[in-house]
């Protein structure tokens, strides 16, 4: 009789253990699914927040637009290597690219500068061929004194400023804190372009702290 009771006790304990294991497995699975749902919801929420902010934009109330988040825009027209016009919620905005400077091509009373057209053409082609164009405001001013928005520009997720700098078609310039989010990345790209003597870096002294010394090409 004792042996029978002992056997029954072993069976009961085994069944209880299996039940706990199954509950633990189900709980872990539910936690994993919950984490995935939260991540998806967070991503969707971020996109939804940007979309909602854009809907509130009237063309002047920049404070409703988020900082450090990519905002989809429509490419309207090309100006030069570091300036473009975009459409946001039906409003056309001239944009000045943060942290870079390209040689002039359209400035009044200023001849086209060496490598200016190459930079201008690169920017135009990149924007014109992109499947998606987005802009991002940094922590500083939304616009400059000429009413140009100050933004980072992305073509299909890639920072256009970096592409121009790493190809030696732009210099890092107009650095004003706190709008310095991509400064280190651009400085690294510039160091590489300079070491390779690409385009604007091909002639010593052409790039200066104040811009470009065109007298070297006269």
Protein backbone atom coordinates (compact mmCIF):
# COMPACT_ATOMS: atom_id res chain seq x y z
CA UNK A 1 0.00 0.00 0.00
CA UNK A 2 2.85 2.40 0.86
CA UNK A 3 4.39 1.72 -2.55
CA UNK A 4 1.08 2.60 -4.28
CA UNK A 5 0.78 5.91 -2.40
CA UNK A 6 4.43 6.74 -3.19
CA UNK A 7 3.85 6.10 -6.89
CA UNK A 8 0.75 8.30 -6.90
CA UNK A 9 2.68 11.11 -5.21
CA UNK A 10 5.41 11.00 -7.88
CA UNK A 11 2.81 11.17 -10.67
CA UNK A 12 1.04 14.16 -9.08
CA UNK A 13 4.30 16.06 -8.59
CA UNK A 14 5.30 15.36 -12.20
CA UNK A 15 2.02 16.69 -13.54
CA UNK A 16 2.33 19.82 -11.41
CA UNK A 17 5.85 20.43 -12.71
CA UNK A 18 4.69 20.12 -16.32
CA UNK A 19 1.91 22.60 -15.66
CA UNK A 20 4.35 25.14 -14.20
CA UNK A 21 6.74 24.68 -17.14
CA UNK A 22 3.94 25.25 -19.64
CA UNK A 23 2.77 28.35 -17.76
CA UNK A 24 6.34 29.70 -17.71
CA UNK A 25 6.73 29.08 -21.47
CA UNK A 26 3.41 30.77 -22.21
CA UNK A 27 4.36 33.74 -20.00
CA UNK A 28 7.72 34.17 -21.79
CA UNK A 29 5.99 34.00 -25.16
CA UNK A 30 3.45 36.58 -24.09
CA UNK A 31 6.23 38.89 -22.85
CA UNK A 32 8.07 38.58 -26.18
CA UNK A 33 4.91 39.33 -28.16
CA UNK A 34 4.16 42.27 -25.85
CA UNK A 35 7.67 43.72 -26.41
CA UNK A 36 7.32 43.42 -30.19
CA UNK A 37 3.91 45.09 -30.07
CA UNK A 38 5.31 47.92 -27.94
CA UNK A 39 8.19 48.46 -30.39
CA UNK A 40 5.79 48.51 -33.33
CA UNK A 41 3.44 50.86 -31.51
CA UNK A 42 6.34 53.16 -30.62
CA UNK A 43 7.50 53.31 -34.25
CA UNK A 44 3.99 53.92 -35.51
CA UNK A 45 3.43 56.51 -32.81
CA UNK A 46 6.56 58.40 -33.86
CA UNK A 47 5.45 58.49 -37.50
CA UNK A 48 1.96 59.45 -36.44
CA UNK A 49 3.31 62.25 -34.23
CA UNK A 50 5.31 63.69 -37.13
CA UNK A 51 2.32 63.46 -39.45
CA UNK A 52 0.09 65.19 -36.90
CA UNK A 53 2.64 67.97 -36.44
CA UNK A 54 2.90 68.51 -40.20
CA UNK A 55 -0.88 68.84 -40.44
CA UNK A 56 -0.71 71.71 -37.96
CA UNK A 57 1.97 73.56 -39.93
CA UNK A 58 0.66 76.75 -41.54
CA UNK A 59 3.87 77.91 -43.19
CA UNK A 60 5.18 80.04 -40.33
CA UNK A 61 4.52 78.24 -37.03
CA UNK A 62 7.74 76.21 -37.09
CA UNK A 63 7.47 75.50 -33.38
CA UNK A 64 4.87 72.78 -34.08
CA UNK A 65 7.41 70.80 -36.07
CA UNK A 66 9.54 68.22 -34.21
CA UNK A 67 13.29 68.49 -33.86
CA UNK A 68 15.72 65.66 -34.61
CA UNK A 69 13.09 63.67 -36.50
CA UNK A 70 12.96 63.16 -40.25
CA UNK A 71 10.01 64.92 -41.85
CA UNK A 72 8.92 63.89 -45.37
CA UNK A 73 8.84 66.74 -47.89
CA UNK A 74 8.37 67.16 -51.63
CA UNK A 75 11.28 68.42 -53.71
CA UNK A 76 10.07 71.50 -55.63
CA UNK A 77 13.08 73.06 -57.28
CA UNK A 78 16.81 73.33 -57.20
CA UNK A 79 18.76 76.47 -56.25
CA UNK A 80 22.41 75.48 -55.78
CA UNK A 81 24.62 73.01 -53.95
CA UNK A 82 23.45 73.88 -50.45
CA UNK A 83 20.03 75.43 -51.03
CA UNK A 84 16.78 73.90 -52.26
CA UNK A 85 13.03 74.51 -52.20
CA UNK A 86 10.72 71.93 -50.63
CA UNK A 87 6.98 71.67 -50.07
CA UNK A 88 5.63 70.86 -46.62
CA UNK A 89 1.89 70.60 -46.02
CA UNK A 90 1.26 72.68 -49.12
CA UNK A 91 3.76 75.42 -48.23
CA UNK A 92 6.93 76.06 -50.23
CA UNK A 93 10.02 76.56 -48.09
CA UNK A 94 13.50 77.56 -49.17
CA UNK A 95 15.97 75.46 -47.24
CA UNK A 96 19.58 76.17 -46.34
CA UNK A 97 21.56 73.04 -45.56
CA UNK A 98 22.98 72.99 -42.04
CA UNK A 99 26.74 72.81 -41.37
CA UNK A 100 28.01 73.00 -44.97
CA UNK A 101 28.97 75.50 -47.62
CA UNK A 102 29.37 74.85 -51.36
CA UNK A 103 31.00 77.18 -53.90
CA UNK A 104 28.62 79.84 -55.22
CA UNK A 105 26.82 79.47 -58.56
CA UNK A 106 23.82 81.83 -58.35
CA UNK A 107 24.86 84.59 -55.93
CA UNK A 108 24.25 88.08 -57.34
CA UNK A 109 27.34 89.88 -58.66
CA UNK A 110 29.46 86.80 -57.98
CA UNK A 111 31.00 84.69 -60.75
CA UNK A 112 30.43 80.95 -60.67
CA UNK A 113 33.10 79.51 -58.40
CA UNK A 114 35.26 76.47 -59.19
CA UNK A 115 33.48 73.21 -58.31
CA UNK A 116 30.27 75.13 -57.71
CA UNK A 117 28.48 73.59 -60.69
CA UNK A 118 29.65 70.10 -59.73
CA UNK A 119 28.18 70.56 -56.26
CA UNK A 120 25.00 72.09 -57.65
CA UNK A 121 24.50 69.29 -60.16
CA UNK A 122 25.15 66.62 -57.54
CA UNK A 123 22.53 68.05 -55.20
CA UNK A 124 20.00 68.43 -58.00
CA UNK A 125 20.46 64.88 -59.25
CA UNK A 126 20.34 63.40 -55.75
CA UNK A 127 17.05 65.12 -54.95
CA UNK A 128 15.52 64.58 -58.36
CA UNK A 129 16.25 60.84 -58.36
CA UNK A 130 15.39 60.13 -54.72
CA UNK A 131 12.38 58.00 -53.90
CA UNK A 132 11.98 59.85 -50.62
CA UNK A 133 13.29 63.20 -49.39
CA UNK A 134 13.16 64.12 -45.72
CA UNK A 135 14.39 67.07 -43.68
CA UNK A 136 15.39 67.36 -40.04
CA UNK A 137 15.56 70.38 -37.77
CA UNK A 138 18.31 70.53 -35.17
CA UNK A 139 18.16 72.05 -31.68
CA UNK A 140 18.89 75.61 -32.81
CA UNK A 141 16.96 78.12 -34.92
CA UNK A 142 14.33 76.86 -37.32
CA UNK A 143 15.18 79.53 -39.91
CA UNK A 144 17.80 82.19 -40.68
CA UNK A 145 17.41 85.93 -41.22
CA UNK A 146 16.63 85.31 -44.90
CA UNK A 147 13.61 83.14 -43.93
CA UNK A 148 15.31 79.98 -45.12
CA UNK A 149 14.68 76.93 -42.97
CA UNK A 150 17.86 75.42 -41.54
CA UNK A 151 17.80 71.67 -41.96
CA UNK A 152 19.60 68.43 -42.58
CA UNK A 153 18.47 66.88 -45.86
CA UNK A 154 18.19 63.14 -46.41
CA UNK A 155 17.78 61.35 -49.74
CA UNK A 156 16.44 57.83 -49.30
CA UNK A 157 17.63 57.92 -45.70
CA UNK A 158 21.17 59.12 -46.48
CA UNK A 159 22.46 62.49 -45.26
CA UNK A 160 23.01 64.65 -48.34
CA UNK A 161 25.37 66.99 -46.50
CA UNK A 162 27.70 64.10 -45.80
CA UNK A 163 27.66 62.97 -49.42
CA UNK A 164 28.67 66.45 -50.59
CA UNK A 165 31.43 66.75 -47.99
CA UNK A 166 32.91 63.31 -48.55
CA UNK A 167 33.09 63.94 -52.31
CA UNK A 168 34.97 67.19 -51.77
CA UNK A 169 32.10 69.33 -53.04
CA UNK A 170 31.38 71.15 -49.77
CA UNK A 171 33.24 72.36 -46.72
CA UNK A 172 32.04 72.15 -43.13
CA UNK A 173 30.97 75.67 -42.18
CA UNK A 174 28.47 77.90 -40.37
CA UNK A 175 28.72 75.93 -37.17
CA UNK A 176 26.46 77.39 -34.51
CA UNK A 177 25.61 75.48 -31.35
CA UNK A 178 23.35 73.80 -30.49
CA UNK A 179 22.75 72.80 -34.14
CA UNK A 180 25.72 70.44 -34.23
CA UNK A 181 24.16 66.96 -34.20
CA UNK A 182 26.05 65.74 -37.29
CA UNK A 183 29.15 67.91 -36.87
CA UNK A 184 31.54 65.12 -35.88
CA UNK A 185 30.34 62.89 -38.70
CA UNK A 186 30.81 65.69 -41.22
CA UNK A 187 34.23 66.59 -39.85
CA UNK A 188 35.37 62.99 -40.33
CA UNK A 189 34.08 62.99 -43.90
CA UNK A 190 35.87 66.28 -44.58
CA UNK A 191 39.16 64.99 -43.19
CA UNK A 192 38.99 62.03 -45.58
CA UNK A 193 38.13 64.20 -48.59
CA UNK A 194 40.94 66.60 -47.73
CA UNK A 195 43.45 63.76 -47.36
CA UNK A 196 42.44 62.50 -50.81
CA UNK A 197 42.61 66.05 -52.24
CA UNK A 198 39.16 65.70 -53.78
CA UNK A 199 37.74 68.58 -55.83
CA UNK A 200 37.69 71.72 -53.61
CA UNK A 201 40.69 70.30 -51.75
CA UNK A 202 42.73 69.71 -54.92
CA UNK A 203 44.42 73.12 -54.77
CA UNK A 204 45.97 74.32 -51.52
CA UNK A 205 44.48 77.55 -50.23
CA UNK A 206 41.24 77.40 -52.21
CA UNK A 207 39.20 76.50 -49.13
CA UNK A 208 39.50 79.08 -46.35
CA UNK A 209 37.79 79.70 -43.03
CA UNK A 210 35.69 82.37 -44.72
CA UNK A 211 34.78 80.49 -47.89
CA UNK A 212 36.64 79.97 -51.15
CA UNK A 213 39.64 81.86 -52.54
CA UNK A 214 38.77 82.11 -56.23
CA UNK A 215 41.84 84.25 -56.98
CA UNK A 216 43.87 81.03 -57.20
CA UNK A 217 42.03 80.15 -60.41
CA UNK A 218 42.40 83.48 -62.20
